[in-house]
Amino acid sequence: MAAVRVLEGLGTMDPEQVALLQEIFDSACGRLDLDPKSPKAENVAQRLVAAHQSGTLDRNAFLDSLAE
């Protein structure tokens, strides 16, 4: 899965963080009708991780930004 590949490069994360990122990723793929293994889904996963790493991750704002 694209999200797993992207998350592997992050180092140590607690289970709650991983679960939250997975939930947001799954929601994004559903909203955009993406195959979670597709290159577009991998791009979504990379954007999600970047938002998380920058400390600006807000679930609703992130999902809304995908429609733009």
N, C-alpha and C. Protein backbone atom coordinates (compact mmCIF):
# COMPACT_ATOMS: atom_id res chain seq x y z
N MET A 1 0.84 -1.17 0.00
CA MET A 1 0.00 0.00 0.00
C MET A 1 0.89 1.23 0.00
N ALA A 2 0.47 2.25 -0.73
CA ALA A 2 1.26 3.47 -0.88
C ALA A 2 1.54 4.13 0.46
N ALA A 3 0.54 4.20 1.31
CA ALA A 3 0.72 4.86 2.60
C ALA A 3 1.75 4.15 3.45
N VAL A 4 1.77 2.85 3.39
CA VAL A 4 2.73 2.08 4.18
C VAL A 4 4.14 2.39 3.71
N ARG A 5 4.36 2.42 2.39
CA ARG A 5 5.69 2.74 1.85
C ARG A 5 6.13 4.12 2.32
N VAL A 6 5.26 5.08 2.27
CA VAL A 6 5.60 6.43 2.68
C VAL A 6 5.87 6.48 4.18
N LEU A 7 5.04 5.81 4.97
CA LEU A 7 5.20 5.82 6.42
C LEU A 7 6.48 5.13 6.87
N GLU A 8 6.96 4.17 6.11
CA GLU A 8 8.16 3.44 6.50
C GLU A 8 9.36 4.37 6.63
N GLY A 9 9.39 5.45 5.88
CA GLY A 9 10.51 6.38 5.92
C GLY A 9 10.43 7.38 7.06
N LEU A 10 9.41 7.33 7.87
CA LEU A 10 9.22 8.32 8.93
C LEU A 10 9.94 8.00 10.23
N GLY A 11 10.36 6.78 10.40
CA GLY A 11 10.97 6.41 11.67
C GLY A 11 9.92 5.99 12.66
N THR A 12 10.19 6.25 13.93
CA THR A 12 9.31 5.80 15.00
C THR A 12 8.08 6.70 15.14
N MET A 13 6.93 6.05 15.14
CA MET A 13 5.66 6.75 15.37
C MET A 13 4.86 5.88 16.32
N ASP A 14 4.08 6.53 17.17
CA ASP A 14 3.26 5.72 18.06
C ASP A 14 2.04 5.19 17.29
N PRO A 15 1.44 4.13 17.80
CA PRO A 15 0.32 3.49 17.09
C PRO A 15 -0.85 4.44 16.81
N GLU A 16 -1.08 5.38 17.71
CA GLU A 16 -2.18 6.33 17.50
C GLU A 16 -1.91 7.22 16.29
N GLN A 17 -0.66 7.65 16.13
CA GLN A 17 -0.30 8.49 14.98
C GLN A 17 -0.47 7.71 13.68
N VAL A 18 0.01 6.49 13.68
CA VAL A 18 -0.11 5.65 12.48
C VAL A 18 -1.58 5.43 12.15
N ALA A 19 -2.39 5.13 13.14
CA ALA A 19 -3.81 4.89 12.93
C ALA A 19 -4.50 6.13 12.39
N LEU A 20 -4.15 7.30 12.91
CA LEU A 20 -4.74 8.54 12.43
C LEU A 20 -4.37 8.80 10.98
N LEU A 21 -3.10 8.66 10.64
CA LEU A 21 -2.66 8.87 9.27
C LEU A 21 -3.31 7.87 8.32
N GLN A 22 -3.44 6.62 8.76
CA GLN A 22 -4.09 5.61 7.92
C GLN A 22 -5.55 5.95 7.70
N GLU A 23 -6.22 6.39 8.77
CA GLU A 23 -7.64 6.75 8.66
C GLU A 23 -7.83 7.91 7.68
N ILE A 24 -6.98 8.92 7.78
CA ILE A 24 -7.09 10.08 6.88
C ILE A 24 -6.78 9.64 5.44
N PHE A 25 -5.75 8.81 5.27
CA PHE A 25 -5.40 8.32 3.94
C PHE A 25 -6.57 7.53 3.34
N ASP A 26 -7.16 6.64 4.11
CA ASP A 26 -8.29 5.84 3.62
C ASP A 26 -9.47 6.74 3.25
N SER A 27 -9.73 7.75 4.06
CA SER A 27 -10.81 8.70 3.76
C SER A 27 -10.52 9.46 2.47
N ALA A 28 -9.27 9.88 2.31
CA ALA A 28 -8.89 10.61 1.11
C ALA A 28 -9.05 9.75 -0.14
N CYS A 29 -8.61 8.50 -0.06
CA CYS A 29 -8.75 7.60 -1.21
C CYS A 29 -10.22 7.37 -1.54
N GLY A 30 -11.04 7.22 -0.51
CA GLY A 30 -12.47 7.05 -0.74
C GLY A 30 -13.10 8.28 -1.35
N ARG A 31 -12.73 9.43 -0.84
CA ARG A 31 -13.30 10.69 -1.34
C ARG A 31 -12.91 10.92 -2.80
N LEU A 32 -11.68 10.55 -3.15
CA LEU A 32 -11.18 10.78 -4.51
C LEU A 32 -11.36 9.57 -5.43
N ASP A 33 -11.95 8.51 -4.89
CA ASP A 33 -12.15 7.27 -5.63
C ASP A 33 -10.83 6.75 -6.21
N LEU A 34 -9.81 6.68 -5.34
CA LEU A 34 -8.48 6.22 -5.74
C LEU A 34 -8.22 4.81 -5.25
N ASP A 35 -7.52 4.05 -6.06
CA ASP A 35 -6.98 2.77 -5.63
C ASP A 35 -5.84 3.11 -4.66
N PRO A 36 -5.86 2.60 -3.44
CA PRO A 36 -4.81 2.94 -2.47
C PRO A 36 -3.40 2.57 -2.92
N LYS A 37 -3.27 1.75 -3.95
CA LYS A 37 -1.95 1.36 -4.44
C LYS A 37 -1.51 2.16 -5.65
N SER A 38 -2.32 3.12 -6.07
CA SER A 38 -2.03 3.88 -7.29
C SER A 38 -1.00 4.99 -7.03
N PRO A 39 -0.37 5.45 -8.10
CA PRO A 39 0.57 6.58 -7.96
C PRO A 39 -0.11 7.84 -7.40
N LYS A 40 -1.36 8.08 -7.78
CA LYS A 40 -2.07 9.25 -7.24
C LYS A 40 -2.27 9.12 -5.73
N ALA A 41 -2.56 7.91 -5.27
CA ALA A 41 -2.72 7.69 -3.84
C ALA A 41 -1.39 7.87 -3.12
N GLU A 42 -0.31 7.48 -3.75
CA GLU A 42 1.00 7.68 -3.15
C GLU A 42 1.29 9.17 -2.99
N ASN A 43 0.87 9.96 -3.97
CA ASN A 43 1.03 11.41 -3.87
C ASN A 43 0.23 11.96 -2.70
N VAL A 44 -0.99 11.44 -2.52
CA VAL A 44 -1.82 11.85 -1.38
C VAL A 44 -1.11 11.48 -0.07
N ALA A 45 -0.55 10.30 -0.02
CA ALA A 45 0.17 9.85 1.18
C ALA A 45 1.36 10.76 1.48
N GLN A 46 2.08 11.15 0.44
CA GLN A 46 3.23 12.04 0.63
C GLN A 46 2.79 13.40 1.16
N ARG A 47 1.69 13.92 0.61
CA ARG A 47 1.16 15.21 1.09
C ARG A 47 0.71 15.10 2.55
N LEU A 48 0.10 13.99 2.88
CA LEU A 48 -0.38 13.74 4.24
C LEU A 48 0.79 13.71 5.21
N VAL A 49 1.83 13.00 4.86
CA VAL A 49 3.01 12.90 5.72
C VAL A 49 3.68 14.26 5.86
N ALA A 50 3.76 15.01 4.77
CA ALA A 50 4.37 16.35 4.83
C ALA A 50 3.59 17.25 5.79
N ALA A 51 2.27 17.18 5.73
CA ALA A 51 1.44 17.98 6.64
C ALA A 51 1.67 17.54 8.08
N HIS A 52 1.75 16.24 8.28
CA HIS A 52 1.99 15.71 9.63
C HIS A 52 3.35 16.17 10.16
N GLN A 53 4.37 16.06 9.33
CA GLN A 53 5.72 16.42 9.77
C GLN A 53 5.86 17.90 10.06
N SER A 54 5.10 18.72 9.33
CA SER A 54 5.20 20.17 9.55
C SER A 54 4.38 20.62 10.75
N GLY A 55 3.59 19.69 11.29
CA GLY A 55 2.77 20.02 12.46
C GLY A 55 1.49 20.75 12.11
N THR A 56 1.13 20.76 10.83
CA THR A 56 -0.06 21.50 10.40
C THR A 56 -1.21 20.58 9.99
N LEU A 57 -1.13 19.32 10.35
CA LEU A 57 -2.15 18.38 9.91
C LEU A 57 -3.45 18.58 10.66
N ASP A 58 -4.48 18.92 9.92
CA ASP A 58 -5.84 18.99 10.42
C ASP A 58 -6.66 18.11 9.48
N ARG A 59 -7.27 17.08 10.02
CA ARG A 59 -7.95 16.08 9.19
C ARG A 59 -8.92 16.71 8.20
N ASN A 60 -9.84 17.53 8.68
CA ASN A 60 -10.85 18.10 7.80
C ASN A 60 -10.25 19.06 6.78
N ALA A 61 -9.32 19.88 7.20
CA ALA A 61 -8.69 20.82 6.29
C ALA A 61 -7.92 20.07 5.20
N PHE A 62 -7.22 18.99 5.62
CA PHE A 62 -6.47 18.21 4.63
C PHE A 62 -7.42 17.59 3.60
N LEU A 63 -8.48 16.96 4.06
CA LEU A 63 -9.42 16.34 3.15
C LEU A 63 -10.08 17.38 2.24
N ASP A 64 -10.42 18.53 2.79
CA ASP A 64 -11.00 19.59 1.98
C ASP A 64 -10.01 20.10 0.93
N SER A 65 -8.74 20.13 1.27
CA SER A 65 -7.74 20.63 0.33
C SER A 65 -7.58 19.73 -0.88
N LEU A 66 -7.97 18.48 -0.77
CA LEU A 66 -7.84 17.56 -1.88
C LEU A 66 -8.80 17.90 -3.02
N ALA A 67 -9.87 18.57 -2.71
CA ALA A 67 -10.85 18.93 -3.72
C ALA A 67 -10.42 20.14 -4.54
N GLU A 68 -9.40 20.83 -4.07
CA GLU A 68 -8.94 22.05 -4.75
C GLU A 68 -8.09 21.73 -5.94
